[in-house]
Amino acid sequence: MTEHRIDPAALERTIAGILLADYCTPDEANEVARHLVEASLSGHDSHGVIRIMRYHKWLGEGVINPDTPLSTLLDSGVMLHLDGNDGMGQWLAREATAMGIDRAKQHGISIVALRKAGHLGRAGAYAEQACAEGLVSIHFVNVNGSLLVAPFGTARRCAGTNPVAIGVPNKDGDDFILDFATSLVAEGKALVAGTGGKPLPEDALIDADGTLTGNPRVLYGDSLDTANPDPLAGPGALRAMGDHKGSGLALACELLAGALTGNGANGEGEKTFGNGMLSILIDPEKFNDLGSFGSEVADYITFVKSSPPAEGTDTVLIPGDKERRLRAECGKNGLPMPEAVLAGILAVAAELGVDARREVLIRR
């Protein structure tokens, strides 16, 4: 399998160019391109640059809409209810989070319900955004119209991959950024595996007959052989993480980020694709009567990381450490990318007349 090291800045320019050619505004194109490249640099290839081929297809089909702002359905000061109108998800979610940050600074807390956004990407980005402003945040996400996950004890699709992200700022060091899909692996990781990337665990998916497997074809069927593999085309499903506990979180995301926001929870019949996100943002200083919050966070993180490593572990990490390390490494040495993904990006760029040369993208 051929793998290249790609220049992140050149790749970001290429992806922004593709989105501009697909009629996104410069602000949308630059933010989504930045988000996708950063997700890949952070090791979240499932929510990274491999997505641009699917975005191009969705923009052409009207599944997501360029140049589409948020609509405010409710503004009570503390509570915001926002409609994304099927626009570019990363751009809309960043704007929604910024609004939530502003309200939390005013009132001590804010609750932001976002519905009908395009693909939001890496949910941890919004926890990082809040932490940068000194705020604690919790984010629940659902993906309506994307039945991919079989909950514990089932052999059929009943939920989306439904991420959860939690951020806690650490004034004396690195922030705590917990970000995970409630499926055993994210759908995009199956896509990466099916296009020449890292293989999946042998129990990551379940076939329609209940057999556990790591073969992405169970999810994509024969569409895996096309330029745009469809995760709804296969007979099987992703498995929920953590048995009954992970399944419970996946279902909670459907209810909180789907039903409560108005984005819609998955179910029988055809559903319109859209991401919903319920975010709770808290100013910890409002609770900090003892003045100990910052030191408690820093001391506890230090306490955990100073623990002796378990067998097979070199260093004890907290959530967010791996992403920070990978960003530093890939920023220095280039972003690893399978040839199939590079070829796909170059093909979309050529289709749209975007100047994207292989020799510029590959870091020598």
Protein backbone atom coordinates (compact mmCIF):
# COMPACT_ATOMS: atom_id res chain seq x y z
CA MET A 1 0.00 0.00 0.00
CA THR A 2 1.51 3.35 -1.09
CA GLU A 3 1.40 6.11 1.51
CA HIS A 4 2.51 9.70 1.07
CA ARG A 5 3.45 12.50 3.44
CA ILE A 6 1.34 15.51 2.54
CA ASP A 7 2.02 19.18 3.22
CA PRO A 8 -0.86 20.32 5.49
CA ALA A 9 -0.88 23.94 4.32
CA ALA A 10 -0.97 22.98 0.64
CA LEU A 11 -3.70 20.43 1.34
CA GLU A 12 -5.77 23.03 3.20
CA ARG A 13 -5.52 25.40 0.24
CA THR A 14 -6.59 22.64 -2.13
CA ILE A 15 -9.64 21.68 -0.06
CA ALA A 16 -10.63 25.33 0.34
CA GLY A 17 -10.35 25.69 -3.44
CA ILE A 18 -12.65 22.70 -3.97
CA LEU A 19 -15.25 24.16 -1.60
CA LEU A 20 -15.05 27.57 -3.25
CA ALA A 21 -15.62 25.93 -6.63
CA ASP A 22 -18.67 24.24 -5.07
CA TYR A 23 -20.05 27.74 -4.25
CA CYS A 24 -19.15 27.96 -0.57
CA THR A 25 -18.28 31.42 0.73
CA PRO A 26 -14.60 32.10 1.46
CA ASP A 27 -15.30 32.01 5.22
CA GLU A 28 -17.09 28.66 4.92
CA ALA A 29 -14.48 27.17 2.62
CA ASN A 30 -11.54 28.24 4.77
CA GLU A 31 -13.13 27.09 8.05
CA VAL A 32 -14.24 23.70 6.73
CA ALA A 33 -10.84 23.12 5.06
CA ARG A 34 -9.04 24.08 8.28
CA HIS A 35 -11.29 21.79 10.32
CA LEU A 36 -10.80 18.80 7.98
CA VAL A 37 -7.02 19.13 7.86
CA GLU A 38 -6.79 19.63 11.62
CA ALA A 39 -8.94 16.54 12.20
CA SER A 40 -6.57 14.47 10.05
CA LEU A 41 -3.52 15.97 11.77
CA SER A 42 -5.11 15.01 15.09
CA GLY A 43 -5.40 11.37 14.02
CA HIS A 44 -9.15 11.56 13.34
CA ASP A 45 -8.93 10.58 9.68
CA SER A 46 -12.56 9.49 9.88
CA HIS A 47 -13.59 13.15 10.19
CA GLY A 48 -10.73 14.56 8.16
CA VAL A 49 -9.78 15.24 4.58
CA ILE A 50 -11.20 11.96 3.26
CA ARG A 51 -14.61 13.60 3.74
CA ILE A 52 -14.09 16.17 0.96
CA MET A 53 -15.11 13.69 -1.75
CA ARG A 54 -18.42 13.08 0.03
CA TYR A 55 -18.96 16.81 0.67
CA HIS A 56 -18.45 17.51 -3.04
CA LYS A 57 -21.07 14.90 -3.89
CA TRP A 58 -23.51 16.20 -1.27
CA LEU A 59 -23.08 19.81 -2.39
CA GLY A 60 -23.87 18.75 -5.94
CA GLU A 61 -26.96 16.83 -4.83
CA GLY A 62 -28.30 19.49 -2.44
CA VAL A 63 -27.84 17.33 0.65
CA ILE A 64 -25.86 20.22 2.15
CA ASN A 65 -26.12 23.83 1.00
CA PRO A 66 -23.31 26.37 0.53
CA ASP A 67 -23.61 30.00 1.62
CA THR A 68 -26.26 29.17 4.23
CA PRO A 69 -26.35 30.98 7.61
CA LEU A 70 -27.88 29.99 10.92
CA SER A 71 -31.49 30.90 11.73
CA THR A 72 -32.40 31.74 15.34
CA LEU A 73 -35.60 29.98 16.47
CA LEU A 74 -35.34 30.86 20.17
CA ASP A 75 -33.18 33.30 22.10
CA SER A 76 -33.98 33.53 25.79
CA GLY A 77 -30.53 34.74 26.81
CA VAL A 78 -29.38 31.50 28.41
CA MET A 79 -31.02 29.24 25.81
CA LEU A 80 -30.47 29.33 22.05
CA HIS A 81 -32.29 27.20 19.49
CA LEU A 82 -30.66 27.40 16.07
CA ASP A 83 -31.49 25.94 12.65
CA GLY A 84 -28.59 25.21 10.32
CA ASN A 85 -30.80 25.01 7.21
CA ASP A 86 -28.65 22.12 5.94
CA GLY A 87 -25.61 24.37 5.59
CA MET A 88 -21.92 23.54 6.02
CA GLY A 89 -21.78 21.85 9.41
CA GLN A 90 -18.34 22.84 10.67
CA TRP A 91 -18.94 26.50 9.87
CA LEU A 92 -22.40 26.48 11.50
CA ALA A 93 -21.28 24.58 14.61
CA ARG A 94 -18.35 26.93 15.16
CA GLU A 95 -20.72 29.91 14.92
CA ALA A 96 -23.25 28.23 17.24
CA THR A 97 -20.50 27.46 19.77
CA ALA A 98 -19.25 31.06 19.60
CA MET A 99 -22.78 32.26 20.40
CA GLY A 100 -22.96 29.81 23.30
CA ILE A 101 -19.60 31.03 24.60
CA ASP A 102 -20.82 34.62 24.56
CA ARG A 103 -23.99 33.73 26.49
CA ALA A 104 -22.14 31.59 29.03
CA LYS A 105 -19.81 34.49 29.77
CA GLN A 106 -22.85 36.72 30.33
CA HIS A 107 -25.01 34.33 32.34
CA GLY A 108 -22.62 31.69 33.68
CA ILE A 109 -24.22 28.96 31.58
CA SER A 110 -25.78 28.51 28.16
CA ILE A 111 -27.61 25.73 26.38
CA VAL A 112 -27.42 25.67 22.58
CA ALA A 113 -29.63 23.37 20.51
CA LEU A 114 -28.52 23.19 16.88
CA ARG A 115 -30.54 21.29 14.29
CA LYS A 116 -30.31 20.51 10.57
CA ALA A 117 -26.61 21.19 10.12
CA GLY A 118 -24.47 19.45 7.55
CA HIS A 119 -21.74 17.11 8.77
CA LEU A 120 -20.24 18.71 11.92
CA GLY A 121 -16.91 16.91 11.70
CA ARG A 122 -14.80 16.35 14.81
CA ALA A 123 -16.94 17.21 17.85
CA GLY A 124 -13.84 17.72 19.99
CA ALA A 125 -13.12 20.89 18.01
CA TYR A 126 -16.06 22.62 19.71
CA ALA A 127 -14.91 21.49 23.16
CA GLU A 128 -11.47 22.93 22.30
CA GLN A 129 -13.12 26.15 21.16
CA ALA A 130 -14.90 26.52 24.50
CA CYS A 131 -11.79 25.59 26.52
CA ALA A 132 -9.83 28.31 24.73
CA GLU A 133 -12.30 30.77 26.28
CA GLY A 134 -11.98 29.21 29.75
CA LEU A 135 -15.33 27.37 29.60
CA VAL A 136 -16.37 23.83 30.43
CA SER A 137 -18.55 22.28 27.72
CA ILE A 138 -20.53 19.12 26.97
CA HIS A 139 -21.70 18.27 23.45
CA PHE A 140 -24.09 15.52 22.31
CA VAL A 141 -24.43 14.89 18.55
CA ASN A 142 -26.85 12.82 16.47
CA VAL A 143 -26.86 12.04 12.76
CA ASN A 144 -30.39 11.77 11.46
CA GLY A 145 -30.76 9.95 8.17
CA SER A 146 -27.63 7.92 8.84
CA LEU A 147 -28.59 4.60 10.41
CA LEU A 148 -25.22 2.90 10.85
CA VAL A 149 -24.92 1.43 14.35
CA ALA A 150 -26.38 -1.72 15.87
CA PRO A 151 -26.90 -1.20 19.62
CA PHE A 152 -25.89 -3.90 22.10
CA GLY A 153 -27.88 -7.07 21.65
CA THR A 154 -29.14 -6.20 18.15
CA ALA A 155 -28.06 -7.12 14.63
CA ARG A 156 -29.68 -4.17 12.84
CA ARG A 157 -29.01 -0.48 12.46
CA CYS A 158 -30.86 1.63 15.04
CA ALA A 159 -28.61 4.69 15.60
CA GLY A 160 -25.99 6.95 14.11
CA THR A 161 -22.37 7.09 15.24
CA ASN A 162 -23.47 9.87 17.65
CA PRO A 163 -20.34 11.47 19.14
CA VAL A 164 -19.98 12.92 22.63
CA ALA A 165 -17.40 15.58 23.50
CA ILE A 166 -16.49 17.11 26.88
CA GLY A 167 -13.95 19.85 27.45
CA VAL A 168 -12.48 21.08 30.77
CA PRO A 169 -9.95 23.93 30.64
CA ASN A 170 -6.65 23.53 32.45
CA LYS A 171 -5.04 26.90 33.11
CA ASP A 172 -1.74 25.29 34.12
CA GLY A 173 -1.37 22.86 31.23
CA ASP A 174 -3.15 21.00 28.49
CA ASP A 175 -6.94 20.98 28.48
CA PHE A 176 -8.99 17.83 29.04
CA ILE A 177 -10.68 17.08 25.67
CA LEU A 178 -12.76 13.90 25.63
CA ASP A 179 -14.15 13.14 22.16
CA PHE A 180 -15.51 9.78 21.02
CA ALA A 181 -18.07 8.23 18.74
CA THR A 182 -20.53 5.95 20.52
CA SER A 183 -19.90 3.33 17.85
CA LEU A 184 -16.95 1.00 18.39
CA VAL A 185 -15.26 2.82 15.49
CA ALA A 186 -16.39 5.92 13.59
CA GLU A 187 -17.92 5.37 10.15
CA GLY A 188 -15.08 7.36 8.62
CA LYS A 189 -12.55 4.90 10.09
CA ALA A 190 -14.37 2.15 8.19
CA LEU A 191 -14.11 4.33 5.08
CA VAL A 192 -10.38 4.85 5.70
CA ALA A 193 -9.91 1.08 6.15
CA GLY A 194 -11.88 0.36 2.98
CA THR A 195 -9.72 2.77 0.95
CA GLY A 196 -6.33 1.40 1.93
CA GLY A 197 -5.87 2.79 5.44
CA LYS A 198 -5.54 1.18 8.86
CA PRO A 199 -7.59 -2.05 9.14
CA LEU A 200 -10.51 -2.28 11.55
CA PRO A 201 -10.66 -4.54 14.61
CA GLU A 202 -12.17 -7.92 13.80
CA ASP A 203 -15.24 -7.17 15.94
CA ALA A 204 -15.92 -3.58 14.80
CA LEU A 205 -18.89 -4.50 12.60
CA ILE A 206 -21.74 -6.97 12.64
CA ASP A 207 -23.29 -8.66 9.61
CA ALA A 208 -27.05 -8.99 9.16
CA ASP A 209 -26.85 -12.58 10.45
CA GLY A 210 -25.16 -11.46 13.69
CA THR A 211 -21.59 -12.42 12.70
CA LEU A 212 -18.84 -10.11 13.99
CA THR A 213 -16.34 -8.91 11.39
CA GLY A 214 -13.80 -6.24 10.56
CA ASN A 215 -14.58 -6.15 6.83
CA PRO A 216 -15.76 -2.66 5.74
CA ARG A 217 -17.68 -4.26 2.85
CA VAL A 218 -20.32 -5.30 5.39
CA LEU A 219 -21.10 -1.59 5.80
CA TYR A 220 -20.61 -0.35 2.22
CA GLY A 221 -21.42 -3.36 0.04
CA ASP A 222 -20.20 -3.07 -3.55
CA SER A 223 -20.26 0.74 -3.32
CA LEU A 224 -16.81 0.37 -1.72
CA ASP A 225 -15.49 -0.09 -5.27
CA THR A 226 -16.79 3.32 -6.40
CA ALA A 227 -15.47 6.86 -5.94
CA ASN A 228 -18.08 7.57 -3.26
CA PRO A 229 -18.66 4.55 -0.99
CA ASP A 230 -22.12 4.64 0.61
CA PRO A 231 -22.25 3.41 4.24
CA LEU A 232 -25.98 2.75 3.83
CA ALA A 233 -25.44 0.28 0.98
CA GLY A 234 -24.23 -2.76 2.94
CA PRO A 235 -26.23 -5.38 4.82
CA GLY A 236 -24.44 -5.01 8.17
CA ALA A 237 -23.73 -2.30 10.73
CA LEU A 238 -21.13 -0.74 12.97
CA ARG A 239 -21.30 -1.98 16.56
CA ALA A 240 -21.94 0.27 19.54
CA MET A 241 -18.99 0.76 21.88
CA GLY A 242 -18.98 -0.42 25.47
CA ASP A 243 -21.76 -3.01 25.22
CA HIS A 244 -24.91 -1.82 27.06
CA LYS A 245 -23.22 1.31 28.46
CA GLY A 246 -22.04 2.60 25.11
CA SER A 247 -25.38 1.72 23.56
CA GLY A 248 -27.08 3.76 26.26
CA LEU A 249 -24.99 6.80 25.33
CA ALA A 250 -25.75 6.31 21.63
CA LEU A 251 -29.48 6.24 22.34
CA ALA A 252 -29.17 9.26 24.63
CA CYS A 253 -27.62 11.21 21.74
CA GLU A 254 -30.59 10.34 19.53
CA LEU A 255 -32.96 11.66 22.22
CA LEU A 256 -30.98 14.76 23.30
CA ALA A 257 -29.34 15.88 20.04
CA GLY A 258 -32.05 14.47 17.79
CA ALA A 259 -35.47 14.59 19.40
CA LEU A 260 -34.85 17.57 21.74
CA THR A 261 -33.17 19.85 19.17
CA GLY A 262 -35.77 19.09 16.49
CA ASN A 263 -33.15 17.51 14.26
CA GLY A 264 -35.06 14.24 14.48
CA ALA A 265 -34.12 10.84 15.85
CA ASN A 266 -33.49 7.93 13.52
CA GLY A 267 -36.15 5.31 12.93
CA GLU A 268 -38.18 3.50 10.31
CA GLY A 269 -38.55 5.03 6.88
CA GLU A 270 -36.40 7.46 4.92
CA LYS A 271 -34.97 10.38 6.89
CA THR A 272 -33.38 13.61 5.71
CA PHE A 273 -29.66 13.76 6.55
CA GLY A 274 -28.67 16.28 9.19
CA ASN A 275 -26.58 16.69 12.32
CA GLY A 276 -28.08 17.86 15.58
CA MET A 277 -25.97 19.03 18.51
CA LEU A 278 -27.00 19.88 22.06
CA SER A 279 -24.26 21.88 23.80
CA ILE A 280 -24.04 22.94 27.43
CA LEU A 281 -21.40 25.58 28.21
CA ILE A 282 -20.46 26.57 31.76
CA ASP A 283 -18.28 29.33 33.15
CA PRO A 284 -16.47 27.49 35.97
CA GLU A 285 -15.58 30.77 37.69
CA LYS A 286 -19.25 31.18 38.66
CA PHE A 287 -18.90 28.07 40.87
CA ASN A 288 -15.40 28.89 42.01
CA ASP A 289 -16.20 30.40 45.43
CA LEU A 290 -13.18 28.67 46.96
CA GLY A 291 -10.89 29.79 44.13
CA SER A 292 -9.71 26.21 43.75
CA PHE A 293 -11.10 25.12 40.37
CA GLY A 294 -7.97 25.76 38.32
CA SER A 295 -5.62 24.12 40.81
CA GLU A 296 -7.99 21.16 41.32
CA VAL A 297 -8.05 20.49 37.56
CA ALA A 298 -4.30 20.87 37.16
CA ASP A 299 -3.49 18.82 40.25
CA TYR A 300 -5.81 15.99 39.31
CA ILE A 301 -4.48 15.75 35.76
CA THR A 302 -0.92 15.72 37.16
CA PHE A 303 -1.94 13.05 39.68
CA VAL A 304 -3.31 10.78 36.95
CA LYS A 305 -0.42 11.33 34.54
CA SER A 306 2.17 10.67 37.25
CA SER A 307 0.77 7.19 37.84
CA PRO A 308 3.01 4.23 36.96
CA PRO A 309 2.18 3.01 33.42
CA ALA A 310 0.42 -0.33 33.06
CA GLU A 311 2.15 -3.16 31.22
CA GLY A 312 2.31 -2.37 27.50
CA THR A 313 1.89 1.38 28.08
CA ASP A 314 4.83 3.76 27.74
CA THR A 315 3.22 6.95 29.06
CA VAL A 316 -0.02 7.75 30.83
CA LEU A 317 -2.11 10.13 28.73
CA ILE A 318 -5.26 12.13 29.35
CA PRO A 319 -7.95 12.71 26.70
CA GLY A 320 -6.58 15.25 24.21
CA ASP A 321 -2.90 14.30 24.62
CA LYS A 322 -2.81 11.93 21.66
CA GLU A 323 -4.34 14.52 19.33
CA ARG A 324 -1.89 17.20 20.45
CA ARG A 325 1.09 14.89 19.95
CA LEU A 326 -0.07 13.82 16.50
CA ARG A 327 -0.68 17.42 15.41
CA ALA A 328 2.87 18.30 16.39
CA GLU A 329 4.37 15.24 14.66
CA CYS A 330 2.34 15.56 11.45
CA GLY A 331 2.89 19.31 11.30
CA LYS A 332 6.63 18.63 11.32
CA ASN A 333 6.83 15.54 9.12
CA GLY A 334 3.73 15.80 6.94
CA LEU A 335 0.30 14.20 7.04
CA PRO A 336 0.29 10.46 6.14
CA MET A 337 -2.20 9.73 3.39
CA PRO A 338 -2.92 6.56 1.35
CA GLU A 339 -2.59 6.90 -2.41
CA ALA A 340 -6.30 6.15 -2.91
CA VAL A 341 -7.30 9.17 -0.79
CA LEU A 342 -4.79 11.49 -2.49
CA ALA A 343 -5.99 10.32 -5.92
CA GLY A 344 -9.60 10.96 -4.91
CA ILE A 345 -8.88 14.52 -3.77
CA LEU A 346 -6.90 15.26 -6.94
CA ALA A 347 -9.72 13.85 -9.08
CA VAL A 348 -12.30 16.15 -7.47
CA ALA A 349 -9.95 19.13 -7.85
CA ALA A 350 -9.41 18.31 -11.55
CA GLU A 351 -13.16 17.95 -12.10
CA LEU A 352 -13.70 21.46 -10.72
CA GLY A 353 -10.70 23.05 -12.38
CA VAL A 354 -8.92 23.66 -9.06
CA ASP A 355 -5.14 23.97 -9.34
CA ALA A 356 -3.90 21.02 -7.28
CA ARG A 357 -0.62 19.44 -8.24
CA ARG A 358 0.61 16.18 -6.78
CA GLU A 359 4.18 17.48 -6.55
CA VAL A 360 3.02 20.46 -4.45
CA LEU A 361 0.93 18.38 -2.07
CA ILE A 362 3.50 15.64 -1.40
CA ARG A 363 6.15 16.71 1.07
CA ARG A 364 9.64 15.73 -0.08
